[in-house]
Amino acid sequence: MGEATAYAYLPDAVLEADAAGIIATVNPAAERLLGASSGSLVGRSLAAALVPRTSAGQALCEGGFHPSASLPTVRRLPDQLIVVRCADGTDVAVQAAGTYRRHADGTLSGCVLSLRPPARRAQPPANPIEIVSTVSHELRSPLTSVKGYTSLLLNRWDRLADDQKKMMLEQVNHDADRVTRLITELLDISRLELGRLVLRRQLVDLKAIAGMVVEKVSMDQPALDASVEFPDEVPKVYADPDKVEQVLTNLVENACKYGTPLGLRIIGLSDDQSVSVSVADRGEGIPAADLPQVFRKFFRRDLSKPSGTGLGLWISRGLVEAHGGRLTASSELGAGTTFTFTLPIIDLDEVFG
């Protein structure tokens, strides 16, 4: 029951089967994908319910999980493109990955199967040349700064005052962080498109992360005036703190660049199912025609303003969705823009108890 609760928040279809290959748990995403209720799937075999095949039509539930068990599964490596059958008789191509489960004595106890429709990707993979060209441009600035300051420190160390050395080293450290973030973005693009993003979840205090993000962004935006507004009743969430920080940093930096760093508000709210975090600016706002495009890869609304890779919001939405949440935007011309993401509240006592 506990694991079923956790699966309910995942965006991918998840089916859990026992050692005989009989479906025991189905999450809502699997019901939507297959067009069938959990009641019509639970108790059936994976082979009968899914009729999984390769794209060439070869059946995949023939050999079994293991010679000592009759549990059918995909025979090849996990994370492959297969075809499964929906309740209405139509076929759908999905990216499939499986996980074995074993008893303490090593015998098989079952499996968890994850299915992701390729159509869930935001758009087809970008041209690698376009990605390299865009990110190379963004890397040039911090690397030029690092090269300039390190050369100066090496050649004039004895002639520089301590406060000058400290300032240069702080800038080098800051620019190195920028390079690290860009490389992380490149890796995230690949992992999101291949469905291989790994989340390192733990209990996260969103208010504390928001405060830390404001402090870090202030180094680049000295004029930043931001309030962090979280009621005491907002709970911690079970999430990857590095990914949450990455999303919040992107939203705050975008608000400063394309809105205004003055009067920024980071607002936390919660209900019985999720926690929402909003980043609201008082900028010019985004035209209604552009608003649906802001999460597209490489989209740049106003080329006359400072621009980045055009990947930040696309990646941020992918990271939030990987947690089972949503990232949305609303705007009013002349009044500002608000980006809001949600993260599900998971009962850890049920999951791990």
Foldseek 3Di string as FASTA:
>chain_A
DLVLLQVQLAQWWKWWAWLQQFTAHTYPNVCVVQVHDPVVRGGHGPCVAWVKAAPVRHGQFDPADDPVTNHGDGPDAAQDWIWTAHPVGDIAIWGKGKDWDADPVGHTTIMMMTTHGLVPQPDPQDDPVLLCVQLVVVLVVLVVLLVVLVVCCVVCVVPDDPVVNVVSVVSNVLSVVVNVLSVVLVVLSVCLSSVNDDWDWDWADLLVLLVVLQVSVCVVVVVADEDEAEDPPQGTATTRSVLSSLLSNLVLVCCVFQFNSPPWYWYWDDDPWKIKIKTKGFGQKDDPVCQVVLLPAQDDDDPVTDDHSSHSSVSSQSRLSSQSKGWHKDIDGNGTIMIMIIHTHRDVVSNPD
